Structures are given as structure tokens and as C-alpha cells.
Amino acid sequence: MRPRKRSFAIKGHRTSISLETPFWEVLKEIADEKHISLAALVGEIDSTRADKTGLSTSVRLYVLEFLRARLRDRPLS
């Protein structure tokens, strides 16, 4: 699976991130759930990331933490 690149304007600066399709899909679901645009969500992630962590990595970790939280809240079958 090859990453797909998308460009966003964050704080007036144009940047691109590359993610695999499943990450884009979950990221869009999160944005929809929060009633914000994908660009706004990426901006939120960007504002909280560690200085030396790349934006694509930060987005992947954000998606991972979101899904882990969902699993913790899920009742066992």
C-alpha cells in the first residue's frame, strides 16, 4: 500500500503529508465526528506535536491513540 500525499495550509504555511489510505479514512471519520474540516484537524494535531516529530508521524500516532481509546471503551463480547 503506497502513501497518498495531501497538502494543507496550517497557520498560513502550506505543507504536505503522506499517509496510507486507511489512515486518511480514519482521520476523515474523526474530523466528521468532531464537526471540523480535515485541515482543521491536521492543524490541531500540528499544534500539539513534539518539535522533532514529523507531521505524518504525528497524524499516524493521533489516529492510533483514537482507535486505542475506542477499543478501551468497547464492551467485551
N, C-alpha and C. Protein backbone atom coordinates (compact mmCIF):
# COMPACT_ATOMS: atom_id res chain seq x y z
N MET A 1 0.84 -1.17 0.00
CA MET A 1 0.00 0.00 0.00
C MET A 1 0.89 1.24 0.00
N ARG A 2 0.70 2.07 -0.98
CA ARG A 2 1.51 3.28 -1.10
C ARG A 2 0.83 4.46 -0.44
N PRO A 3 1.59 5.31 0.21
CA PRO A 3 1.00 6.51 0.84
C PRO A 3 0.45 7.47 -0.22
N ARG A 4 -0.58 8.20 0.18
CA ARG A 4 -1.16 9.26 -0.65
C ARG A 4 -0.80 10.59 -0.01
N LYS A 5 -0.39 11.52 -0.84
CA LYS A 5 0.02 12.83 -0.35
C LYS A 5 -1.14 13.83 -0.47
N ARG A 6 -1.30 14.65 0.57
CA ARG A 6 -2.28 15.74 0.55
C ARG A 6 -1.61 16.99 1.09
N SER A 7 -2.04 18.13 0.58
CA SER A 7 -1.49 19.41 1.03
C SER A 7 -2.51 20.17 1.85
N PHE A 8 -2.02 20.87 2.86
CA PHE A 8 -2.86 21.68 3.74
C PHE A 8 -2.17 23.00 4.01
N ALA A 9 -2.96 24.01 4.33
CA ALA A 9 -2.43 25.28 4.82
C ALA A 9 -2.62 25.27 6.33
N ILE A 10 -1.51 25.36 7.06
CA ILE A 10 -1.55 25.38 8.52
C ILE A 10 -0.88 26.67 8.98
N LYS A 11 -1.65 27.50 9.65
CA LYS A 11 -1.15 28.80 10.12
C LYS A 11 -0.54 29.59 8.96
N GLY A 12 -1.20 29.54 7.81
CA GLY A 12 -0.75 30.28 6.65
C GLY A 12 0.43 29.68 5.91
N HIS A 13 0.88 28.53 6.34
CA HIS A 13 2.02 27.85 5.71
C HIS A 13 1.53 26.58 5.03
N ARG A 14 1.88 26.41 3.78
CA ARG A 14 1.47 25.23 3.02
C ARG A 14 2.39 24.06 3.37
N THR A 15 1.79 22.92 3.68
CA THR A 15 2.57 21.72 4.00
C THR A 15 1.87 20.50 3.43
N SER A 16 2.63 19.46 3.21
CA SER A 16 2.07 18.21 2.68
C SER A 16 2.37 17.08 3.64
N ILE A 17 1.43 16.14 3.71
CA ILE A 17 1.67 14.93 4.48
C ILE A 17 1.29 13.73 3.63
N SER A 18 1.99 12.64 3.86
CA SER A 18 1.74 11.39 3.14
C SER A 18 1.29 10.34 4.14
N LEU A 19 0.13 9.74 3.85
CA LEU A 19 -0.42 8.69 4.70
C LEU A 19 -1.00 7.60 3.83
N GLU A 20 -1.03 6.40 4.37
CA GLU A 20 -1.71 5.30 3.71
C GLU A 20 -3.22 5.53 3.78
N THR A 21 -3.95 4.97 2.82
CA THR A 21 -5.39 5.19 2.70
C THR A 21 -6.16 4.91 4.00
N PRO A 22 -5.90 3.83 4.73
CA PRO A 22 -6.67 3.61 5.97
C PRO A 22 -6.50 4.75 6.98
N PHE A 23 -5.32 5.35 7.04
CA PHE A 23 -5.13 6.48 7.95
C PHE A 23 -5.95 7.68 7.50
N TRP A 24 -5.98 7.95 6.20
CA TRP A 24 -6.80 9.05 5.69
C TRP A 24 -8.27 8.80 6.01
N GLU A 25 -8.71 7.57 5.84
CA GLU A 25 -10.12 7.25 6.09
C GLU A 25 -10.51 7.48 7.55
N VAL A 26 -9.69 7.00 8.48
CA VAL A 26 -10.00 7.18 9.90
C VAL A 26 -9.86 8.65 10.29
N LEU A 27 -8.87 9.33 9.75
CA LEU A 27 -8.71 10.75 10.04
C LEU A 27 -9.95 11.54 9.61
N LYS A 28 -10.50 11.21 8.46
CA LYS A 28 -11.72 11.86 7.98
C LYS A 28 -12.89 11.55 8.90
N GLU A 29 -13.00 10.32 9.36
CA GLU A 29 -14.06 9.95 10.31
C GLU A 29 -13.95 10.75 11.60
N ILE A 30 -12.73 10.94 12.08
CA ILE A 30 -12.52 11.72 13.31
C ILE A 30 -12.94 13.17 13.07
N ALA A 31 -12.52 13.74 11.96
CA ALA A 31 -12.89 15.12 11.64
C ALA A 31 -14.41 15.26 11.54
N ASP A 32 -15.07 14.32 10.89
CA ASP A 32 -16.53 14.36 10.77
C ASP A 32 -17.18 14.28 12.14
N GLU A 33 -16.66 13.42 12.99
CA GLU A 33 -17.21 13.24 14.33
C GLU A 33 -17.06 14.52 15.17
N LYS A 34 -15.96 15.24 14.94
CA LYS A 34 -15.71 16.49 15.66
C LYS A 34 -16.37 17.69 14.99
N HIS A 35 -16.98 17.46 13.82
CA HIS A 35 -17.63 18.52 13.04
C HIS A 35 -16.64 19.61 12.64
N ILE A 36 -15.46 19.18 12.21
CA ILE A 36 -14.45 20.11 11.71
C ILE A 36 -13.89 19.57 10.40
N SER A 37 -13.22 20.44 9.68
CA SER A 37 -12.62 20.01 8.41
C SER A 37 -11.37 19.17 8.68
N LEU A 38 -10.98 18.45 7.67
CA LEU A 38 -9.75 17.66 7.75
C LEU A 38 -8.56 18.59 7.99
N ALA A 39 -8.55 19.73 7.33
CA ALA A 39 -7.46 20.70 7.51
C ALA A 39 -7.41 21.21 8.95
N ALA A 40 -8.58 21.46 9.54
CA ALA A 40 -8.62 21.93 10.93
C ALA A 40 -8.09 20.86 11.88
N LEU A 41 -8.44 19.61 11.64
CA LEU A 41 -7.95 18.52 12.48
C LEU A 41 -6.43 18.38 12.35
N VAL A 42 -5.93 18.44 11.14
CA VAL A 42 -4.48 18.36 10.93
C VAL A 42 -3.80 19.54 11.63
N GLY A 43 -4.42 20.71 11.60
CA GLY A 43 -3.89 21.87 12.30
C GLY A 43 -3.83 21.65 13.80
N GLU A 44 -4.87 21.02 14.36
CA GLU A 44 -4.88 20.71 15.80
C GLU A 44 -3.74 19.75 16.14
N ILE A 45 -3.58 18.73 15.32
CA ILE A 45 -2.52 17.75 15.56
C ILE A 45 -1.16 18.44 15.47
N ASP A 46 -1.01 19.30 14.48
CA ASP A 46 0.25 20.02 14.30
C ASP A 46 0.58 20.89 15.52
N SER A 47 -0.42 21.51 16.10
CA SER A 47 -0.17 22.42 17.22
C SER A 47 0.22 21.70 18.51
N THR A 48 -0.03 20.39 18.57
CA THR A 48 0.29 19.65 19.80
C THR A 48 1.46 18.68 19.63
N ARG A 49 2.04 18.62 18.45
CA ARG A 49 3.11 17.63 18.23
C ARG A 49 4.43 18.10 18.81
N ALA A 50 5.26 17.13 19.14
CA ALA A 50 6.61 17.42 19.64
C ALA A 50 7.44 18.02 18.51
N ASP A 51 8.37 18.88 18.86
CA ASP A 51 9.17 19.60 17.87
C ASP A 51 9.86 18.71 16.84
N LYS A 52 10.39 17.61 17.26
CA LYS A 52 11.19 16.78 16.35
C LYS A 52 10.38 15.67 15.69
N THR A 53 9.09 15.64 15.95
CA THR A 53 8.24 14.61 15.36
C THR A 53 7.64 15.15 14.07
N GLY A 54 7.77 14.40 12.99
CA GLY A 54 7.21 14.82 11.72
C GLY A 54 5.68 14.83 11.77
N LEU A 55 5.09 15.64 10.92
CA LEU A 55 3.63 15.77 10.92
C LEU A 55 2.95 14.45 10.53
N SER A 56 3.45 13.77 9.53
CA SER A 56 2.85 12.49 9.12
C SER A 56 2.89 11.49 10.27
N THR A 57 4.01 11.42 10.96
CA THR A 57 4.12 10.53 12.12
C THR A 57 3.14 10.93 13.21
N SER A 58 3.03 12.23 13.46
CA SER A 58 2.11 12.71 14.49
C SER A 58 0.66 12.36 14.15
N VAL A 59 0.31 12.46 12.88
CA VAL A 59 -1.06 12.11 12.46
C VAL A 59 -1.29 10.62 12.66
N ARG A 60 -0.34 9.79 12.28
CA ARG A 60 -0.50 8.34 12.47
C ARG A 60 -0.67 8.01 13.96
N LEU A 61 0.14 8.64 14.81
CA LEU A 61 0.04 8.39 16.25
C LEU A 61 -1.30 8.87 16.81
N TYR A 62 -1.80 9.99 16.31
CA TYR A 62 -3.10 10.51 16.72
C TYR A 62 -4.20 9.51 16.38
N VAL A 63 -4.17 9.00 15.15
CA VAL A 63 -5.16 8.01 14.72
C VAL A 63 -5.06 6.75 15.58
N LEU A 64 -3.84 6.30 15.83
CA LEU A 64 -3.64 5.12 16.67
C LEU A 64 -4.23 5.33 18.06
N GLU A 65 -3.96 6.48 18.68
CA GLU A 65 -4.49 6.76 20.02
C GLU A 65 -6.01 6.84 20.01
N PHE A 66 -6.58 7.41 18.95
CA PHE A 66 -8.04 7.48 18.82
C PHE A 66 -8.64 6.08 18.78
N LEU A 67 -8.04 5.20 17.98
CA LEU A 67 -8.56 3.84 17.86
C LEU A 67 -8.35 3.04 19.14
N ARG A 68 -7.23 3.25 19.82
CA ARG A 68 -6.99 2.58 21.10
C ARG A 68 -8.03 3.01 22.13
N ALA A 69 -8.35 4.28 22.16
CA ALA A 69 -9.37 4.77 23.09
C ALA A 69 -10.72 4.13 22.79
N ARG A 70 -11.02 3.98 21.52
CA ARG A 70 -12.27 3.32 21.14
C ARG A 70 -12.31 1.88 21.63
N LEU A 71 -11.20 1.19 21.50
CA LEU A 71 -11.13 -0.20 21.96
C LEU A 71 -11.30 -0.31 23.47
N ARG A 72 -10.72 0.63 24.21
CA ARG A 72 -10.86 0.62 25.67
C ARG A 72 -12.31 0.82 26.09
N ASP A 73 -13.05 1.61 25.33
CA ASP A 73 -14.45 1.92 25.66
C ASP A 73 -15.42 0.85 25.19
N ARG A 74 -14.94 -0.09 24.44
CA ARG A 74 -15.80 -1.11 23.83
C ARG A 74 -16.04 -2.26 24.81
N PRO A 75 -17.30 -2.65 25.00
CA PRO A 75 -17.56 -3.79 25.89
C PRO A 75 -17.03 -5.09 25.30
N LEU A 76 -16.58 -5.97 26.16
CA LEU A 76 -16.10 -7.27 25.69
C LEU A 76 -17.26 -8.13 25.25
N SER A 77 -17.04 -8.92 24.22
CA SER A 77 -18.11 -9.80 23.70
C SER A 77 -18.25 -11.02 24.56
